[in-house]
Protein backbone atom coordinates (compact mmCIF):
# COMPACT_ATOMS: atom_id res chain seq x y z
CA ALA A 1 31.63 56.23 -2.76
CA HIS A 2 34.47 55.73 -0.33
CA VAL A 3 35.53 58.02 2.51
CA SER A 4 39.24 57.25 3.04
CA TRP A 5 39.91 59.78 5.77
CA LEU A 6 37.22 58.40 8.12
CA LYS A 7 38.25 55.75 10.64
CA VAL A 8 35.81 53.75 12.76
CA VAL A 9 37.07 53.08 16.30
CA LYS A 10 36.03 50.53 18.93
CA SER A 11 34.81 52.92 21.61
CA GLU A 12 33.46 56.46 21.88
CA ASP A 13 36.43 57.42 24.07
CA GLU A 14 38.76 56.93 21.08
CA ALA A 15 36.60 59.02 18.73
CA ASP A 16 36.92 62.66 17.76
CA ALA A 17 33.32 62.77 16.55
CA ILE A 18 30.13 60.74 16.80
CA ILE A 19 27.94 59.90 13.80
CA ARG A 20 24.24 59.38 14.39
CA GLY A 21 21.33 59.18 12.05
CA THR A 22 17.89 57.97 11.18
CA CYS A 23 16.38 56.51 8.06
CA PHE A 24 12.69 55.84 7.57
CA ASP A 25 10.24 55.41 4.75
CA LEU A 26 7.25 57.64 4.25
CA ARG A 27 5.11 55.07 2.45
CA ARG A 28 2.19 57.39 1.76
CA LEU A 29 4.55 59.86 0.07
CA LYS A 30 6.67 57.09 -1.52
CA ARG A 31 9.77 58.75 -0.14
CA LEU A 32 12.72 57.66 1.98
CA HIS A 33 13.94 60.21 4.54
CA ALA A 34 17.50 59.95 5.91
CA GLU A 35 19.25 62.26 8.38
CA VAL A 36 22.89 62.10 9.50
CA TYR A 37 24.52 64.16 12.24
CA ILE A 38 28.19 64.38 13.15
CA THR A 39 28.91 65.94 16.53
CA ASP A 40 32.10 66.65 18.44
CA ARG A 41 32.43 63.88 21.03
CA VAL A 42 33.60 66.15 23.85
CA SER A 43 31.50 69.30 23.38
CA GLY A 44 28.50 67.73 21.65
CA LYS A 45 28.53 70.62 19.15
CA SER A 46 27.36 69.94 15.63
CA VAL A 47 30.18 69.44 13.12
CA TRP A 48 28.15 68.46 10.05
CA GLN A 49 24.65 67.34 9.14
CA ASP A 50 22.74 66.23 6.09
CA VAL A 51 19.15 65.38 5.19
CA VAL A 52 18.37 63.37 2.07
CA ARG A 53 14.98 62.51 0.61
CA VAL A 54 14.85 59.81 -2.06
CA PRO A 55 11.74 58.69 -3.97
CA TYR A 56 11.03 54.97 -4.08
CA ALA A 57 8.50 52.51 -5.48
CA PRO A 58 10.18 52.59 -7.97
CA PRO A 59 13.02 52.08 -7.22
CA ASP A 60 12.50 49.49 -4.52
CA LEU A 61 13.22 50.43 -0.90
CA PRO A 62 16.67 48.74 -0.61
CA LYS A 63 17.87 50.63 -3.71
CA ALA A 64 16.49 53.88 -2.30
CA VAL A 65 18.42 53.28 0.96
CA ASP A 66 21.62 52.65 -1.04
CA GLN A 67 21.01 55.83 -3.04
CA ALA A 68 20.46 57.89 0.13
CA ALA A 69 23.68 56.54 1.70
CA SER A 70 25.63 57.28 -1.47
CA GLU A 71 24.28 60.85 -1.60
CA ILE A 72 25.22 61.43 2.05
CA VAL A 73 28.79 60.20 1.47
CA THR A 74 29.06 62.40 -1.63
CA HIS A 75 27.82 65.46 0.30
CA LEU A 76 30.26 64.74 3.15
CA ASN A 77 33.20 64.40 0.75
CA GLU A 78 32.20 67.67 -0.96
CA SER A 79 32.04 69.44 2.42
CA VAL A 80 35.47 68.15 3.40
CA ARG A 81 37.00 69.20 0.06
CA THR A 82 35.49 72.68 0.42
CA ALA A 83 36.70 73.02 4.02
CA SER A 84 40.23 71.86 3.11
CA LYS A 85 40.52 74.62 0.48
CA ARG A 86 40.07 77.31 3.13
């Protein structure tokens, strides 16, 4: 999935928002856990967030990471489409 309206800049001072996240595997549960947060750079207020849990073993961990990233991009695109209709 491709997000065409998102532009990565060289420094935080040029950004409107900051994207942060974590991704870790819960081996005992055979699950990958990924969290992404977008916050307004100036106010620090939350703009958008997502949490994705993907089973793995099978698939292998790299494929689970790719699947989690793809789901997050899909969710973000859906949120933007919904917001633009308002």
